[in-house]
Amino acid sequence: MYVGALTLDILLGDVRSLKQKRSVVRPLIAELRRRYPAIAVAETGCHDLHRRAEVGIAVLSASAGNCKEVMDACERMVAFRPEIELLSARQRLYHDED
């Protein structure tokens, strides 16, 4: 069993309040959940900064290749959104024997 953890550091576009931030981050999280129903995704950091967001994604899979493939697909989906800029993406892969 493999567990993949993906952390995305995101810079939001023309956002001037936490309410506007929620109107960008919530649809992003909903789209990730809809497109990849087997993942767990949440906003995990930068809660009180209105132009930054950290999104965490967890993937559970029987193979390391599938786990990495899903994390890469999630990263690409976020990177191609025009209203945000992906500053960094960190992937970690855990094996049940680690």
PDB file of N, CA and C in Angstrom:
ATOM      1  N   MET A   1       0.851  -1.175   0.000  1.00  0.00           N
ATOM      2  CA  MET A   1       0.000   0.000   0.000  1.00  0.00           C
ATOM      3  C   MET A   1       0.898   1.240   0.000  1.00  0.00           C
ATOM      4  N   TYR A   2       0.536   2.227  -0.793  1.00  0.00           N
ATOM      5  CA  TYR A   2       1.270   3.479  -0.894  1.00  0.00           C
ATOM      6  C   TYR A   2       0.341   4.644  -0.574  1.00  0.00           C
ATOM      7  N   VAL A   3       0.887   5.626   0.115  1.00  0.00           N
ATOM      8  CA  VAL A   3       0.168   6.860   0.411  1.00  0.00           C
ATOM      9  C   VAL A   3       0.977   8.004  -0.181  1.00  0.00           C
ATOM     10  N   GLY A   4       0.339   8.789  -1.013  1.00  0.00           N
ATOM     11  CA  GLY A   4       0.978   9.950  -1.606  1.00  0.00           C
ATOM     12  C   GLY A   4       0.439  11.216  -0.980  1.00  0.00           C
ATOM     13  N   ALA A   5       1.333  12.141  -0.672  1.00  0.00           N
ATOM     14  CA  ALA A   5       0.939  13.435  -0.111  1.00  0.00           C
ATOM     15  C   ALA A   5       1.447  14.531  -1.038  1.00  0.00           C
ATOM     16  N   LEU A   6       0.556  15.380  -1.473  1.00  0.00           N
ATOM     17  CA  LEU A   6       0.880  16.484  -2.367  1.00  0.00           C
ATOM     18  C   LEU A   6       0.479  17.785  -1.674  1.00  0.00           C
ATOM     19  N   THR A   7       1.429  18.697  -1.557  1.00  0.00           N
ATOM     20  CA  THR A   7       1.157  20.006  -0.963  1.00  0.00           C
ATOM     21  C   THR A   7       1.380  21.064  -2.030  1.00  0.00           C
ATOM     22  N   LEU A   8       0.358  21.868  -2.275  1.00  0.00           N
ATOM     23  CA  LEU A   8       0.405  22.903  -3.303  1.00  0.00           C
ATOM     24  C   LEU A   8       0.378  24.274  -2.652  1.00  0.00           C
ATOM     25  N   ASP A   9       1.354  25.103  -2.968  1.00  0.00           N
ATOM     26  CA  ASP A   9       1.411  26.485  -2.496  1.00  0.00           C
ATOM     27  C   ASP A   9       0.929  27.360  -3.638  1.00  0.00           C
ATOM     28  N   ILE A  10      -0.146  28.092  -3.397  1.00  0.00           N
ATOM     29  CA  ILE A  10      -0.856  28.794  -4.465  1.00  0.00           C
ATOM     30  C   ILE A  10      -0.899  30.289  -4.175  1.00  0.00           C
ATOM     31  N   LEU A  11      -0.661  31.085  -5.221  1.00  0.00           N
ATOM     32  CA  LEU A  11      -0.850  32.530  -5.163  1.00  0.00           C
ATOM     33  C   LEU A  11      -2.120  32.845  -5.941  1.00  0.00           C
ATOM     34  N   LEU A  12      -3.041  33.514  -5.277  1.00  0.00           N
ATOM     35  CA  LEU A  12      -4.325  33.836  -5.895  1.00  0.00           C
ATOM     36  C   LEU A  12      -4.221  35.164  -6.633  1.00  0.00           C
ATOM     37  N   GLY A  13      -5.012  35.316  -7.655  1.00  0.00           N
ATOM     38  CA  GLY A  13      -4.974  36.511  -8.498  1.00  0.00           C
ATOM     39  C   GLY A  13      -5.482  37.755  -7.787  1.00  0.00           C
ATOM     40  N   ASP A  14      -6.449  38.400  -8.359  1.00  0.00           N
ATOM     41  CA  ASP A  14      -6.989  39.661  -7.841  1.00  0.00           C
ATOM     42  C   ASP A  14      -7.969  39.385  -6.706  1.00  0.00           C
ATOM     43  N   VAL A  15      -7.423  39.050  -5.544  1.00  0.00           N
ATOM     44  CA  VAL A  15      -8.229  38.723  -4.365  1.00  0.00           C
ATOM     45  C   VAL A  15      -7.891  39.740  -3.281  1.00  0.00           C
ATOM     46  N   ARG A  16      -8.921  40.375  -2.722  1.00  0.00           N
ATOM     47  CA  ARG A  16      -8.685  41.435  -1.740  1.00  0.00           C
ATOM     48  C   ARG A  16      -9.296  41.150  -0.378  1.00  0.00           C
ATOM     49  N   SER A  17      -9.904  39.980  -0.201  1.00  0.00           N
ATOM     50  CA  SER A  17     -10.500  39.659   1.091  1.00  0.00           C
ATOM     51  C   SER A  17     -10.528  38.148   1.264  1.00  0.00           C
ATOM     52  N   LEU A  18     -10.739  37.731   2.490  1.00  0.00           N
ATOM     53  CA  LEU A  18     -10.846  36.295   2.750  1.00  0.00           C
ATOM     54  C   LEU A  18     -12.101  35.708   2.105  1.00  0.00           C
ATOM     55  N   LYS A  19     -13.142  36.515   1.990  1.00  0.00           N
ATOM     56  CA  LYS A  19     -14.365  36.056   1.327  1.00  0.00           C
ATOM     57  C   LYS A  19     -14.099  35.777  -0.154  1.00  0.00           C
ATOM     58  N   GLN A  20     -13.364  36.652  -0.817  1.00  0.00           N
ATOM     59  CA  GLN A  20     -13.005  36.418  -2.215  1.00  0.00           C
ATOM     60  C   GLN A  20     -12.082  35.206  -2.335  1.00  0.00           C
ATOM     61  N   LYS A  21     -11.199  35.035  -1.355  1.00  0.00           N
ATOM     62  CA  LYS A  21     -10.309  33.873  -1.362  1.00  0.00           C
ATOM     63  C   LYS A  21     -11.134  32.588  -1.338  1.00  0.00           C
ATOM     64  N   ARG A  22     -12.125  32.536  -0.454  1.00  0.00           N
ATOM     65  CA  ARG A  22     -12.984  31.350  -0.376  1.00  0.00           C
ATOM     66  C   ARG A  22     -13.703  31.097  -1.695  1.00  0.00           C
ATOM     67  N   SER A  23     -14.061  32.164  -2.404  1.00  0.00           N
ATOM     68  CA  SER A  23     -14.780  31.996  -3.668  1.00  0.00           C
ATOM     69  C   SER A  23     -13.878  31.445  -4.772  1.00  0.00           C
ATOM     70  N   VAL A  24     -12.562  31.445  -4.561  1.00  0.00           N
ATOM     71  CA  VAL A  24     -11.629  30.850  -5.513  1.00  0.00           C
ATOM     72  C   VAL A  24     -11.199  29.456  -5.047  1.00  0.00           C
ATOM     73  N   VAL A  25     -10.902  29.311  -3.758  1.00  0.00           N
ATOM     74  CA  VAL A  25     -10.356  28.056  -3.235  1.00  0.00           C
ATOM     75  C   VAL A  25     -11.415  26.956  -3.155  1.00  0.00           C
ATOM     76  N   ARG A  26     -12.618  27.292  -2.709  1.00  0.00           N
ATOM     77  CA  ARG A  26     -13.667  26.260  -2.594  1.00  0.00           C
ATOM     78  C   ARG A  26     -14.009  25.594  -3.930  1.00  0.00           C
ATOM     79  N   PRO A  27     -14.195  26.355  -5.014  1.00  0.00           N
ATOM     80  CA  PRO A  27     -14.448  25.689  -6.300  1.00  0.00           C
ATOM     81  C   PRO A  27     -13.267  24.845  -6.782  1.00  0.00           C
ATOM     82  N   LEU A  28     -12.055  25.281  -6.480  1.00  0.00           N
ATOM     83  CA  LEU A  28     -10.873  24.503  -6.843  1.00  0.00           C
ATOM     84  C   LEU A  28     -10.878  23.157  -6.129  1.00  0.00           C
ATOM     85  N   ILE A  29     -11.139  23.166  -4.845  1.00  0.00           N
ATOM     86  CA  ILE A  29     -11.194  21.926  -4.063  1.00  0.00           C
ATOM     87  C   ILE A  29     -12.345  21.047  -4.541  1.00  0.00           C
ATOM     88  N   ALA A  30     -13.482  21.655  -4.830  1.00  0.00           N
ATOM     89  CA  ALA A  30     -14.638  20.891  -5.321  1.00  0.00           C
ATOM     90  C   ALA A  30     -14.335  20.239  -6.671  1.00  0.00           C
ATOM     91  N   GLU A  31     -13.641  20.954  -7.550  1.00  0.00           N
ATOM     92  CA  GLU A  31     -13.288  20.404  -8.856  1.00  0.00           C
ATOM     93  C   GLU A  31     -12.318  19.236  -8.714  1.00  0.00           C
ATOM     94  N   LEU A  32     -11.344  19.351  -7.813  1.00  0.00           N
ATOM     95  CA  LEU A  32     -10.415  18.239  -7.570  1.00  0.00           C
ATOM     96  C   LEU A  32     -11.168  17.017  -7.056  1.00  0.00           C
ATOM     97  N   ARG A  33     -12.090  17.229  -6.121  1.00  0.00           N
ATOM     98  CA  ARG A  33     -12.883  16.107  -5.571  1.00  0.00           C
ATOM     99  C   ARG A  33     -13.768  15.471  -6.642  1.00  0.00           C
ATOM    100  N   ARG A  34     -14.346  16.302  -7.505  1.00  0.00           N
ATOM    101  CA  ARG A  34     -15.226  15.784  -8.546  1.00  0.00           C
ATOM    102  C   ARG A  34     -14.438  14.985  -9.577  1.00  0.00           C
ATOM    103  N   ARG A  35     -13.293  15.519  -9.990  1.00  0.00           N
ATOM    104  CA  ARG A  35     -12.508  14.864 -11.023  1.00  0.00           C
ATOM    105  C   ARG A  35     -11.775  13.622 -10.516  1.00  0.00           C
ATOM    106  N   TYR A  36     -11.348  13.658  -9.266  1.00  0.00           N
ATOM    107  CA  TYR A  36     -10.604  12.531  -8.668  1.00  0.00           C
ATOM    108  C   TYR A  36     -11.281  12.140  -7.359  1.00  0.00           C
ATOM    109  N   PRO A  37     -12.353  11.347  -7.425  1.00  0.00           N
ATOM    110  CA  PRO A  37     -13.137  11.056  -6.216  1.00  0.00           C
ATOM    111  C   PRO A  37     -12.401  10.207  -5.185  1.00  0.00           C
ATOM    112  N   ALA A  38     -11.296   9.579  -5.545  1.00  0.00           N
ATOM    113  CA  ALA A  38     -10.581   8.718  -4.607  1.00  0.00           C
ATOM    114  C   ALA A  38      -9.561   9.472  -3.753  1.00  0.00           C
ATOM    115  N   ILE A  39      -9.420  10.788  -3.948  1.00  0.00           N
ATOM    116  CA  ILE A  39      -8.448  11.554  -3.177  1.00  0.00           C
ATOM    117  C   ILE A  39      -9.114  12.239  -1.992  1.00  0.00           C
ATOM    118  N   ALA A  40      -8.289  12.636  -1.038  1.00  0.00           N
ATOM    119  CA  ALA A  40      -8.734  13.514   0.045  1.00  0.00           C
ATOM    120  C   ALA A  40      -8.049  14.853  -0.196  1.00  0.00           C
ATOM    121  N   VAL A  41      -8.796  15.942  -0.128  1.00  0.00           N
ATOM    122  CA  VAL A  41      -8.231  17.267  -0.420  1.00  0.00           C
ATOM    123  C   VAL A  41      -8.822  18.287   0.541  1.00  0.00           C
ATOM    124  N   ALA A  42      -7.967  19.225   0.986  1.00  0.00           N
ATOM    125  CA  ALA A  42      -8.414  20.271   1.903  1.00  0.00           C
ATOM    126  C   ALA A  42      -7.464  21.458   1.829  1.00  0.00           C
ATOM    127  N   GLU A  43      -7.959  22.615   2.239  1.00  0.00           N
ATOM    128  CA  GLU A  43      -7.085  23.770   2.413  1.00  0.00           C
ATOM    129  C   GLU A  43      -6.356  23.559   3.735  1.00  0.00           C
ATOM    130  N   THR A  44      -5.036  23.518   3.691  1.00  0.00           N
ATOM    131  CA  THR A  44      -4.267  23.113   4.865  1.00  0.00           C
ATOM    132  C   THR A  44      -3.389  24.206   5.459  1.00  0.00           C
ATOM    133  N   GLY A  45      -3.326  25.360   4.834  1.00  0.00           N
ATOM    134  CA  GLY A  45      -2.473  26.411   5.386  1.00  0.00           C
ATOM    135  C   GLY A  45      -2.798  27.775   4.820  1.00  0.00           C
ATOM    136  N   CYS A  46      -2.126  28.787   5.359  1.00  0.00           N
ATOM    137  CA  CYS A  46      -2.294  30.186   4.935  1.00  0.00           C
ATOM    138  C   CYS A  46      -3.748  30.638   5.081  1.00  0.00           C
ATOM    139  N   HIS A  47      -4.403  30.228   6.159  1.00  0.00           N
ATOM    140  CA  HIS A  47      -5.829  30.515   6.317  1.00  0.00           C
ATOM    141  C   HIS A  47      -6.136  31.994   6.485  1.00  0.00           C
ATOM    142  N   ASP A  48      -5.223  32.761   7.064  1.00  0.00           N
ATOM    143  CA  ASP A  48      -5.519  34.170   7.304  1.00  0.00           C
ATOM    144  C   ASP A  48      -4.824  35.109   6.317  1.00  0.00           C
ATOM    145  N   LEU A  49      -4.232  34.566   5.265  1.00  0.00           N
ATOM    146  CA  LEU A  49      -3.662  35.377   4.193  1.00  0.00           C
ATOM    147  C   LEU A  49      -4.624  35.348   3.011  1.00  0.00           C
ATOM    148  N   HIS A  50      -4.993  36.522   2.495  1.00  0.00           N
ATOM    149  CA  HIS A  50      -6.032  36.526   1.466  1.00  0.00           C
ATOM    150  C   HIS A  50      -5.517  36.257   0.060  1.00  0.00           C
ATOM    151  N   ARG A  51      -4.213  36.347  -0.222  1.00  0.00           N
ATOM    152  CA  ARG A  51      -3.719  36.064  -1.577  1.00  0.00           C
ATOM    153  C   ARG A  51      -2.951  34.760  -1.681  1.00  0.00           C
ATOM    154  N   ARG A  52      -2.815  34.032  -0.592  1.00  0.00           N
ATOM    155  CA  ARG A  52      -2.077  32.768  -0.598  1.00  0.00           C
ATOM    156  C   ARG A  52      -2.979  31.662  -0.068  1.00  0.00           C
ATOM    157  N   ALA A  53      -2.725  30.457  -0.569  1.00  0.00           N
ATOM    158  CA  ALA A  53      -3.456  29.286  -0.090  1.00  0.00           C
ATOM    159  C   ALA A  53      -2.529  28.079  -0.165  1.00  0.00           C
ATOM    160  N   GLU A  54      -2.711  27.166   0.760  1.00  0.00           N
ATOM    161  CA  GLU A  54      -2.011  25.887   0.709  1.00  0.00           C
ATOM    162  C   GLU A  54      -3.077  24.807   0.651  1.00  0.00           C
ATOM    163  N   VAL A  55      -2.967  23.948  -0.343  1.00  0.00           N
ATOM    164  CA  VAL A  55      -3.927  22.870  -0.527  1.00  0.00           C
ATOM    165  C   VAL A  55      -3.178  21.553  -0.384  1.00  0.00           C
ATOM    166  N   GLY A  56      -3.719  20.667   0.457  1.00  0.00           N
ATOM    167  CA  GLY A  56      -3.122  19.356   0.658  1.00  0.00           C
ATOM    168  C   GLY A  56      -3.981  18.281   0.026  1.00  0.00           C
ATOM    169  N   ILE A  57      -3.317  17.330  -0.623  1.00  0.00           N
ATOM    170  CA  ILE A  57      -4.008  16.233  -1.295  1.00  0.00           C
ATOM    171  C   ILE A  57      -3.372  14.929  -0.853  1.00  0.00           C
ATOM    172  N   ALA A  58      -4.198  13.950  -0.515  1.00  0.00           N
ATOM    173  CA  ALA A  58      -3.706  12.631  -0.138  1.00  0.00           C
ATOM    174  C   ALA A  58      -4.295  11.587  -1.076  1.00  0.00           C
ATOM    175  N   VAL A  59      -3.432  10.633  -1.477  1.00  0.00           N
ATOM    176  CA  VAL A  59      -3.825   9.580  -2.410  1.00  0.00           C
ATOM    177  C   VAL A  59      -3.419   8.246  -1.795  1.00  0.00           C
ATOM    178  N   LEU A  60      -4.294   7.284  -1.840  1.00  0.00           N
ATOM    179  CA  LEU A  60      -4.003   5.933  -1.363  1.00  0.00           C
ATOM    180  C   LEU A  60      -4.114   4.988  -2.546  1.00  0.00           C
ATOM    181  N   SER A  61      -3.067   4.157  -2.753  1.00  0.00           N
ATOM    182  CA  SER A  61      -3.056   3.282  -3.922  1.00  0.00           C
ATOM    183  C   SER A  61      -2.271   2.012  -3.636  1.00  0.00           C
ATOM    184  N   ALA A  62      -2.530   1.003  -4.431  1.00  0.00           N
ATOM    185  CA  ALA A  62      -1.799  -0.260  -4.311  1.00  0.00           C
ATOM    186  C   ALA A  62      -0.442  -0.192  -4.990  1.00  0.00           C
ATOM    187  N   SER A  63      -0.250   0.769  -5.910  1.00  0.00           N
ATOM    188  CA  SER A  63       1.033   0.872  -6.609  1.00  0.00           C
ATOM    189  C   SER A  63       1.573   2.293  -6.523  1.00  0.00           C
ATOM    190  N   ALA A  64       2.887   2.400  -6.480  1.00  0.00           N
ATOM    191  CA  ALA A  64       3.541   3.703  -6.413  1.00  0.00           C
ATOM    192  C   ALA A  64       3.305   4.482  -7.700  1.00  0.00           C
ATOM    193  N   GLY A  65       3.298   3.791  -8.834  1.00  0.00           N
ATOM    194  CA  GLY A  65       3.093   4.450 -10.118  1.00  0.00           C
ATOM    195  C   GLY A  65       1.742   5.118 -10.220  1.00  0.00           C
ATOM    196  N   ASN A  66       0.696   4.432  -9.786  1.00  0.00           N
ATOM    197  CA  ASN A  66      -0.647   5.004  -9.831  1.00  0.00           C
ATOM    198  C   ASN A  66      -0.760   6.190  -8.885  1.00  0.00           C
ATOM    199  N   CYS A  67      -0.157   6.070  -7.730  1.00  0.00           N
ATOM    200  CA  CYS A  67      -0.177   7.153  -6.745  1.00  0.00           C
ATOM    201  C   CYS A  67       0.472   8.404  -7.338  1.00  0.00           C
ATOM    202  N   LYS A  68       1.627   8.250  -7.933  1.00  0.00           N
ATOM    203  CA  LYS A  68       2.355   9.376  -8.540  1.00  0.00           C
ATOM    204  C   LYS A  68       1.576   9.950  -9.717  1.00  0.00           C
ATOM    205  N   GLU A  69       0.955   9.087 -10.500  1.00  0.00           N
ATOM    206  CA  GLU A  69       0.171   9.533 -11.653  1.00  0.00           C
ATOM    207  C   GLU A  69      -0.996  10.430 -11.227  1.00  0.00           C
ATOM    208  N   VAL A  70      -1.693  10.045 -10.160  1.00  0.00           N
ATOM    209  CA  VAL A  70      -2.823  10.842  -9.676  1.00  0.00           C
ATOM    210  C   VAL A  70      -2.327  12.176  -9.114  1.00  0.00           C
ATOM    211  N   MET A  71      -1.226  12.153  -8.360  1.00  0.00           N
ATOM    212  CA  MET A  71      -0.680  13.407  -7.821  1.00  0.00           C
ATOM    213  C   MET A  71      -0.241  14.342  -8.949  1.00  0.00           C
ATOM    214  N   ASP A  72       0.401  13.799  -9.977  1.00  0.00           N
ATOM    215  CA  ASP A  72       0.824  14.610 -11.125  1.00  0.00           C
ATOM    216  C   ASP A  72      -0.384  15.216 -11.836  1.00  0.00           C
ATOM    217  N   ALA A  73      -1.441  14.433 -11.993  1.00  0.00           N
ATOM    218  CA  ALA A  73      -2.653  14.930 -12.659  1.00  0.00           C
ATOM    219  C   ALA A  73      -3.297  16.058 -11.847  1.00  0.00           C
ATOM    220  N   CYS A  74      -3.332  15.915 -10.538  1.00  0.00           N
ATOM    221  CA  CYS A  74      -3.886  16.968  -9.674  1.00  0.00           C
ATOM    222  C   CYS A  74      -3.045  18.238  -9.780  1.00  0.00           C
ATOM    223  N   GLU A  75      -1.732  18.071  -9.772  1.00  0.00           N
ATOM    224  CA  GLU A  75      -0.833  19.219  -9.887  1.00  0.00           C
ATOM    225  C   GLU A  75      -1.033  19.939 -11.218  1.00  0.00           C
ATOM    226  N   ARG A  76      -1.149  19.187 -12.302  1.00  0.00           N
ATOM    227  CA  ARG A  76      -1.367  19.793 -13.620  1.00  0.00           C
ATOM    228  C   ARG A  76      -2.699  20.542 -13.676  1.00  0.00           C
ATOM    229  N   MET A  77      -3.741  19.947 -13.093  1.00  0.00           N
ATOM    230  CA  MET A  77      -5.050  20.582 -13.118  1.00  0.00           C
ATOM    231  C   MET A  77      -5.002  21.944 -12.419  1.00  0.00           C
ATOM    232  N   VAL A  78      -4.333  22.000 -11.278  1.00  0.00           N
ATOM    233  CA  VAL A  78      -4.229  23.252 -10.533  1.00  0.00           C
ATOM    234  C   VAL A  78      -3.344  24.246 -11.282  1.00  0.00           C
ATOM    235  N   ALA A  79      -2.253  23.775 -11.853  1.00  0.00           N
ATOM    236  CA  ALA A  79      -1.300  24.658 -12.544  1.00  0.00           C
ATOM    237  C   ALA A  79      -1.928  25.338 -13.754  1.00  0.00           C
ATOM    238  N   PHE A  80      -2.888  24.692 -14.406  1.00  0.00           N
ATOM    239  CA  PHE A  80      -3.478  25.253 -15.614  1.00  0.00           C
ATOM    240  C   PHE A  80      -4.692  26.132 -15.352  1.00  0.00           C
ATOM    241  N   ARG A  81      -5.024  26.359 -14.086  1.00  0.00           N
ATOM    242  CA  ARG A  81      -6.130  27.268 -13.775  1.00  0.00           C
ATOM    243  C   ARG A  81      -5.665  28.707 -13.994  1.00  0.00           C
ATOM    244  N   PRO A  82      -6.381  29.500 -14.785  1.00  0.00           N
ATOM    245  CA  PRO A  82      -5.899  30.850 -15.122  1.00  0.00           C
ATOM    246  C   PRO A  82      -5.959  31.846 -13.964  1.00  0.00           C
ATOM    247  N   GLU A  83      -6.834  31.622 -12.991  1.00  0.00           N
ATOM    248  CA  GLU A  83      -7.014  32.609 -11.925  1.00  0.00           C
ATOM    249  C   GLU A  83      -6.027  32.453 -10.772  1.00  0.00           C
ATOM    250  N   ILE A  84      -5.174  31.420 -10.829  1.00  0.00           N
ATOM    251  CA  ILE A  84      -4.201  31.203  -9.760  1.00  0.00           C
ATOM    252  C   ILE A  84      -2.832  30.924 -10.353  1.00  0.00           C
ATOM    253  N   GLU A  85      -1.814  31.079  -9.502  1.00  0.00           N
ATOM    254  CA  GLU A  85      -0.441  30.755  -9.890  1.00  0.00           C
ATOM    255  C   GLU A  85       0.093  29.727  -8.902  1.00  0.00           C
ATOM    256  N   LEU A  86       0.547  28.607  -9.412  1.00  0.00           N
ATOM    257  CA  LEU A  86       1.110  27.554  -8.574  1.00  0.00           C
ATOM    258  C   LEU A  86       2.565  27.914  -8.283  1.00  0.00           C
ATOM    259  N   LEU A  87       2.854  28.234  -7.021  1.00  0.00           N
ATOM    260  CA  LEU A  87       4.200  28.636  -6.634  1.00  0.00           C
ATOM    261  C   LEU A  87       5.112  27.433  -6.412  1.00  0.00           C
ATOM    262  N   SER A  88       4.590  26.402  -5.753  1.00  0.00           N
ATOM    263  CA  SER A  88       5.391  25.198  -5.533  1.00  0.00           C
ATOM    264  C   SER A  88       4.478  24.008  -5.300  1.00  0.00           C
ATOM    265  N   ALA A  89       5.025  22.844  -5.586  1.00  0.00           N
ATOM    266  CA  ALA A  89       4.318  21.587  -5.360  1.00  0.00           C
ATOM    267  C   ALA A  89       5.312  20.602  -4.756  1.00  0.00           C
ATOM    268  N   ARG A  90       4.951  20.032  -3.621  1.00  0.00           N
ATOM    269  CA  ARG A  90       5.816  19.060  -2.955  1.00  0.00           C
ATOM    270  C   ARG A  90       5.085  17.722  -2.883  1.00  0.00           C
ATOM    271  N   GLN A  91       5.734  16.690  -3.396  1.00  0.00           N
ATOM    272  CA  GLN A  91       5.163  15.343  -3.378  1.00  0.00           C
ATOM    273  C   GLN A  91       5.988  14.458  -2.452  1.00  0.00           C
ATOM    274  N   ARG A  92       5.274  13.644  -1.669  1.00  0.00           N
ATOM    275  CA  ARG A  92       5.936  12.642  -0.836  1.00  0.00           C
ATOM    276  C   ARG A  92       5.181  11.340  -1.019  1.00  0.00           C
ATOM    277  N   LEU A  93       5.941  10.258  -1.057  1.00  0.00           N
ATOM    278  CA  LEU A  93       5.347   8.935  -1.233  1.00  0.00           C
ATOM    279  C   LEU A  93       5.754   8.074  -0.043  1.00  0.00           C
ATOM    280  N   TYR A  94       4.782   7.485   0.609  1.00  0.00           N
ATOM    281  CA  TYR A  94       5.017   6.629   1.760  1.00  0.00           C
ATOM    282  C   TYR A  94       4.606   5.216   1.427  1.00  0.00           C
ATOM    283  N   HIS A  95       5.399   4.252   1.865  1.00  0.00           N
ATOM    284  CA  HIS A  95       5.093   2.836   1.671  1.00  0.00           C
ATOM    285  C   HIS A  95       4.724   2.259   3.027  1.00  0.00           C
ATOM    286  N   ASP A  96       3.860   1.261   3.054  1.00  0.00           N
ATOM    287  CA  ASP A  96       3.417   0.709   4.335  1.00  0.00           C
ATOM    288  C   ASP A  96       4.531   0.044   5.144  1.00  0.00           C
ATOM    289  N   GLU A  97       5.660  -0.208   4.539  1.00  0.00           N
ATOM    290  CA  GLU A  97       6.782  -0.802   5.252  1.00  0.00           C
ATOM    291  C   GLU A  97       7.797   0.249   5.721  1.00  0.00           C
ATOM    292  N   ASP A  98       7.519   1.531   5.474  1.00  0.00           N
ATOM    293  CA  ASP A  98       8.421   2.603   5.932  1.00  0.00           C
ATOM    294  C   ASP A  98       8.310   2.805   7.427  1.00  0.00           C
TER     295      ASP A  98
END
